[in-house]
Amino acid sequence: QVQLVESGGGLVQAGGSLRLSCAASGRSFSSAVMDWLRQAPGKEREFVAGISFSTTYYAGSVKGRFTISRDNAKNTVYLQMNNLKFDDTAVYYCRATQDGEDYWGQGTQVTVSS
């Protein structure tokens, strides 16, 4: 059974940092496109960052502050979030896309206090 489990969320003050992890199990995702998305209350889910092999891409709102990376040996993708802002408050989801299928984690809450 394929499973993605996010962790690392929490409450942080504006300007602070968090590192999210997304650990995959059930199959290897070394060739998958791995994305982080987020959903704030009352808003649609939006793309944050993605990584395909070693190529990374970011939403404009987080570029320069967030860094996505992966450790294929651990089947894990990370999102380092620096200089967090109040508007970064959301539930963050990990998504893996491989062989035409999407797999989602359950999400982890990030709350930034101003």
Protein backbone atom coordinates (compact mmCIF):
# COMPACT_ATOMS: atom_id res chain seq x y z
CA GLN A 1 0.00 0.00 0.00
CA VAL A 2 1.41 3.35 -1.05
CA GLN A 3 1.53 5.93 1.70
CA LEU A 4 2.88 9.46 1.98
CA VAL A 5 3.29 10.86 5.46
CA GLU A 6 4.07 14.52 6.07
CA SER A 7 5.64 15.79 9.26
CA GLY A 8 7.39 18.86 10.60
CA GLY A 9 4.53 21.31 10.73
CA GLY A 10 3.82 23.47 13.73
CA LEU A 11 3.49 26.97 15.12
CA VAL A 12 6.25 29.45 14.36
CA GLN A 13 6.67 33.19 14.60
CA ALA A 14 6.96 35.29 11.48
CA GLY A 15 10.54 35.26 10.26
CA GLY A 16 11.13 31.78 11.61
CA SER A 17 11.85 28.50 9.85
CA LEU A 18 10.40 25.03 9.57
CA ARG A 19 11.38 21.94 7.63
CA LEU A 20 8.65 19.68 6.36
CA SER A 21 9.26 16.05 5.48
CA CYS A 22 7.26 13.72 3.29
CA ALA A 23 8.16 10.07 3.73
CA ALA A 24 6.90 7.63 1.14
CA SER A 25 6.39 3.93 1.56
CA GLY A 26 4.99 1.12 -0.50
CA ARG A 27 7.00 1.85 -3.62
CA SER A 28 10.03 3.83 -4.73
CA PHE A 29 9.39 7.40 -5.82
CA SER A 30 12.92 8.12 -7.04
CA SER A 31 11.60 8.87 -10.54
CA ALA A 32 8.40 10.58 -9.43
CA VAL A 33 7.62 14.25 -9.64
CA MET A 34 7.23 15.33 -6.03
CA ASP A 35 5.30 18.46 -5.17
CA TRP A 36 4.31 20.43 -2.12
CA LEU A 37 0.97 22.19 -2.19
CA ARG A 38 -0.87 24.12 0.49
CA GLN A 39 -4.39 25.12 1.35
CA ALA A 40 -5.26 28.03 3.59
CA PRO A 41 -8.71 28.34 5.21
CA GLY A 42 -11.27 29.50 2.69
CA LYS A 43 -8.83 29.27 -0.20
CA GLU A 44 -8.12 26.79 -2.96
CA ARG A 45 -5.20 24.45 -2.78
CA GLU A 46 -2.17 25.99 -4.46
CA PHE A 47 1.18 24.79 -5.74
CA VAL A 48 4.19 25.68 -3.61
CA ALA A 49 7.22 23.79 -4.92
CA GLY A 50 8.11 20.75 -6.97
CA ILE A 51 11.07 18.59 -7.89
CA SER A 52 11.55 16.35 -10.90
CA PHE A 53 14.75 14.36 -10.63
CA SER A 54 17.04 17.28 -9.65
CA THR A 55 15.10 20.10 -11.29
CA THR A 56 13.22 22.30 -8.86
CA TYR A 57 10.49 24.87 -9.38
CA TYR A 58 8.66 27.24 -7.07
CA ALA A 59 5.65 29.45 -6.80
CA GLY A 60 6.59 33.10 -6.99
CA SER A 61 5.34 33.74 -3.47
CA VAL A 62 7.90 31.38 -1.93
CA LYS A 63 10.84 31.62 -4.31
CA GLY A 64 13.97 32.59 -2.44
CA ARG A 65 12.50 31.55 0.91
CA PHE A 66 11.59 27.86 0.42
CA THR A 67 13.81 25.04 -0.80
CA ILE A 68 12.61 21.64 -1.93
CA SER A 69 14.95 18.66 -1.90
CA ARG A 70 14.78 14.90 -1.98
CA ASP A 71 16.66 11.95 -0.57
CA ASN A 72 15.93 8.98 -2.82
CA ALA A 73 17.70 6.58 -0.48
CA LYS A 74 15.15 7.52 2.19
CA ASN A 75 12.27 7.89 -0.27
CA THR A 76 11.69 11.29 1.31
CA VAL A 77 11.18 14.82 0.06
CA TYR A 78 11.74 17.91 2.15
CA LEU A 79 10.58 21.50 2.15
CA GLN A 80 12.83 23.92 4.00
CA MET A 81 10.85 27.06 4.75
CA ASN A 82 12.72 30.17 5.86
CA ASN A 83 11.57 33.69 6.63
CA LEU A 84 8.03 32.46 7.12
CA LYS A 85 5.21 34.95 6.75
CA PHE A 86 1.71 35.05 8.15
CA ASP A 87 0.35 34.30 4.67
CA ASP A 88 2.26 31.01 4.64
CA THR A 89 -0.22 29.66 7.20
CA ALA A 90 -1.91 26.63 5.65
CA VAL A 91 -2.14 22.88 5.59
CA TYR A 92 0.78 21.62 3.50
CA TYR A 93 0.35 18.52 1.37
CA CYS A 94 2.85 16.30 -0.35
CA ARG A 95 1.97 14.83 -3.76
CA ALA A 96 3.80 12.21 -5.78
CA THR A 97 3.08 11.79 -9.48
CA GLN A 98 4.37 8.67 -11.17
CA ASP A 99 3.16 6.47 -14.02
CA GLY A 100 0.13 8.67 -14.49
CA GLU A 101 -1.06 8.38 -10.91
CA ASP A 102 -1.15 10.91 -8.08
CA TYR A 103 -0.56 10.00 -4.48
CA TRP A 104 -1.31 12.39 -1.62
CA GLY A 105 -0.34 12.69 1.99
CA GLN A 106 -2.73 13.65 4.75
CA GLY A 107 -1.26 17.11 5.23
CA THR A 108 0.56 18.91 8.02
CA GLN A 109 -0.51 22.22 9.55
CA VAL A 110 1.82 25.20 9.44
CA THR A 111 0.77 28.22 11.45
CA VAL A 112 2.75 31.44 11.34
CA SER A 113 2.01 34.00 14.02
CA SER A 114 2.50 37.64 13.20
